[in-house]
């Protein structure tokens, strides 16, 4: 009886150890801070090489853009960050971003997430969090 109860406890401890290491938030599933930073860096690369949209970033402070986008994705995905940047309306006023521009950026983001082997479900979860911002970004 002692052996069985000891074995039962050992199995329970192993199972509880496995379940606690399973990423539960989108932030964790995206790779936490290093994963979010890799997504942002990959997106910056895509923007730089996309003639359709790179002009929108010509006068941008890329270091600040990188920091604020990283912070925003961390916040949106359930990470420990709190976005402290401007509203999407404020930061996109004067750019006259079209649906085609927005779609090009999203396509770049999808390419980055695919390269990083982020699951389709998690890609869709992140895109779903970003999609409502379209109305605040476009045609400003």
Protein backbone atom coordinates (compact mmCIF):
# COMPACT_ATOMS: atom_id res chain seq x y z
CA UNK A 1 0.00 0.00 0.00
CA UNK A 2 2.85 2.39 0.79
CA UNK A 3 4.44 1.72 -2.59
CA UNK A 4 1.17 2.42 -4.42
CA UNK A 5 0.53 5.68 -2.61
CA UNK A 6 4.15 6.73 -3.18
CA UNK A 7 3.82 5.89 -6.87
CA UNK A 8 0.55 7.81 -7.05
CA UNK A 9 2.17 10.89 -5.50
CA UNK A 10 5.12 10.67 -7.86
CA UNK A 11 2.78 10.52 -10.86
CA UNK A 12 0.73 13.44 -9.57
CA UNK A 13 3.86 15.51 -9.06
CA UNK A 14 5.06 14.72 -12.57
CA UNK A 15 1.69 15.65 -14.05
CA UNK A 16 1.47 18.88 -12.09
CA UNK A 17 5.00 19.77 -13.23
CA UNK A 18 3.99 19.21 -16.84
CA UNK A 19 0.84 21.27 -16.60
CA UNK A 20 2.55 24.25 -14.96
CA UNK A 21 5.09 24.52 -17.76
CA UNK A 22 2.43 24.66 -20.47
CA UNK A 23 2.16 28.22 -21.79
CA UNK A 24 -1.25 29.59 -20.90
CA UNK A 25 -1.26 33.14 -22.23
CA UNK A 26 -0.82 34.22 -25.81
CA UNK A 27 2.21 36.16 -24.62
CA UNK A 28 3.81 32.93 -23.39
CA UNK A 29 2.82 31.02 -26.52
CA UNK A 30 4.45 33.73 -28.66
CA UNK A 31 7.70 33.16 -26.76
CA UNK A 32 7.36 35.82 -24.05
CA UNK A 33 9.69 38.84 -24.34
CA UNK A 34 12.24 37.22 -26.71
CA UNK A 35 9.46 35.94 -28.97
CA UNK A 36 7.69 39.30 -29.13
CA UNK A 37 11.00 41.05 -29.86
CA UNK A 38 11.73 38.57 -32.65
CA UNK A 39 8.28 39.23 -34.15
CA UNK A 40 8.86 42.99 -34.07
CA UNK A 41 12.38 42.70 -35.49
CA UNK A 42 11.11 40.42 -38.24
CA UNK A 43 8.32 42.86 -39.04
CA UNK A 44 10.80 45.73 -39.24
CA UNK A 45 12.79 43.70 -41.76
CA UNK A 46 9.62 43.05 -43.79
CA UNK A 47 8.69 46.75 -43.73
CA UNK A 48 12.18 47.77 -44.82
CA UNK A 49 11.95 45.46 -47.83
CA UNK A 50 8.38 46.27 -48.86
CA UNK A 51 8.29 49.14 -51.34
CA UNK A 52 4.53 49.44 -50.90
CA UNK A 53 4.76 50.60 -47.28
CA UNK A 54 8.35 51.53 -46.39
CA UNK A 55 7.69 55.19 -47.27
CA UNK A 56 5.26 55.45 -44.36
CA UNK A 57 8.20 54.89 -42.00
CA UNK A 58 10.72 57.23 -43.67
CA UNK A 59 10.55 59.87 -40.93
CA UNK A 60 9.93 57.46 -38.04
CA UNK A 61 12.20 57.00 -35.07
CA UNK A 62 12.67 53.28 -35.67
CA UNK A 63 14.11 52.67 -32.19
CA UNK A 64 11.04 54.21 -30.58
CA UNK A 65 8.73 52.41 -33.02
CA UNK A 66 10.39 49.09 -32.14
CA UNK A 67 10.13 49.74 -28.40
CA UNK A 68 6.49 50.85 -28.50
CA UNK A 69 5.36 48.05 -30.82
CA UNK A 70 7.12 45.50 -28.61
CA UNK A 71 5.43 47.01 -25.57
CA UNK A 72 2.05 47.05 -27.30
CA UNK A 73 2.24 43.42 -28.46
CA UNK A 74 3.37 42.37 -25.00
CA UNK A 75 0.41 44.19 -23.43
CA UNK A 76 -2.17 42.96 -25.96
CA UNK A 77 -1.07 39.34 -25.68
CA UNK A 78 -1.37 39.20 -21.90
CA UNK A 79 2.23 39.90 -20.97
CA UNK A 80 3.49 41.99 -18.07
CA UNK A 81 3.86 45.19 -20.11
CA UNK A 82 1.58 48.19 -20.21
CA UNK A 83 1.48 50.08 -23.50
CA UNK A 84 2.54 53.68 -22.92
CA UNK A 85 2.58 55.01 -26.48
CA UNK A 86 0.20 57.29 -28.31
CA UNK A 87 -3.22 56.14 -29.39
CA UNK A 88 -3.44 54.55 -32.82
CA UNK A 89 -5.38 57.58 -34.08
CA UNK A 90 -2.74 60.01 -32.84
CA UNK A 91 0.23 58.08 -34.14
CA UNK A 92 -1.24 57.49 -37.61
CA UNK A 93 -2.74 60.91 -38.34
CA UNK A 94 -1.38 62.34 -41.57
CA UNK A 95 -0.20 59.05 -43.01
CA UNK A 96 -3.36 58.31 -45.04
CA UNK A 97 -2.84 54.56 -44.68
CA UNK A 98 -5.02 52.66 -47.12
CA UNK A 99 -6.50 49.19 -46.84
CA UNK A 100 -3.77 47.99 -49.23
CA UNK A 101 -1.09 49.45 -46.94
CA UNK A 102 -2.66 47.82 -43.90
CA UNK A 103 -2.96 44.49 -45.72
CA UNK A 104 0.71 44.68 -46.77
CA UNK A 105 1.77 45.17 -43.16
CA UNK A 106 -0.43 42.31 -41.99
CA UNK A 107 0.99 40.08 -44.74
CA UNK A 108 4.48 40.91 -43.49
CA UNK A 109 3.47 40.08 -39.94
CA UNK A 110 2.03 36.75 -41.05
CA UNK A 111 5.27 35.91 -42.90
CA UNK A 112 7.25 36.63 -39.75
CA UNK A 113 5.00 34.49 -37.57
CA UNK A 114 5.14 31.63 -40.07
CA UNK A 115 8.96 31.83 -40.15
CA UNK A 116 8.95 31.63 -36.37
CA UNK A 117 6.64 28.61 -36.55
CA UNK A 118 3.92 30.21 -34.47
CA UNK A 119 0.78 28.11 -34.62
CA UNK A 120 -2.06 29.22 -36.87
CA UNK A 121 -4.30 29.49 -33.81
CA UNK A 122 -1.87 31.86 -32.09
CA UNK A 123 -1.32 33.84 -35.29
CA UNK A 124 -5.08 34.27 -35.55
CA UNK A 125 -5.33 35.22 -31.88
CA UNK A 126 -2.76 37.99 -32.31
CA UNK A 127 -4.27 39.20 -35.58
CA UNK A 128 -7.68 39.22 -33.90
CA UNK A 129 -6.33 41.55 -31.22
CA UNK A 130 -4.83 43.87 -33.83
CA UNK A 131 -7.71 43.89 -36.34
CA UNK A 132 -9.96 46.33 -34.44
CA UNK A 133 -7.20 48.94 -34.71
CA UNK A 134 -7.73 49.20 -38.47
CA UNK A 135 -10.40 51.86 -38.05
CA UNK A 136 -8.04 53.97 -35.93
CA UNK A 137 -5.08 53.57 -38.31
CA UNK A 138 -6.52 53.91 -41.80
CA UNK A 139 -7.30 57.05 -43.73
CA UNK A 140 -6.08 59.43 -41.01
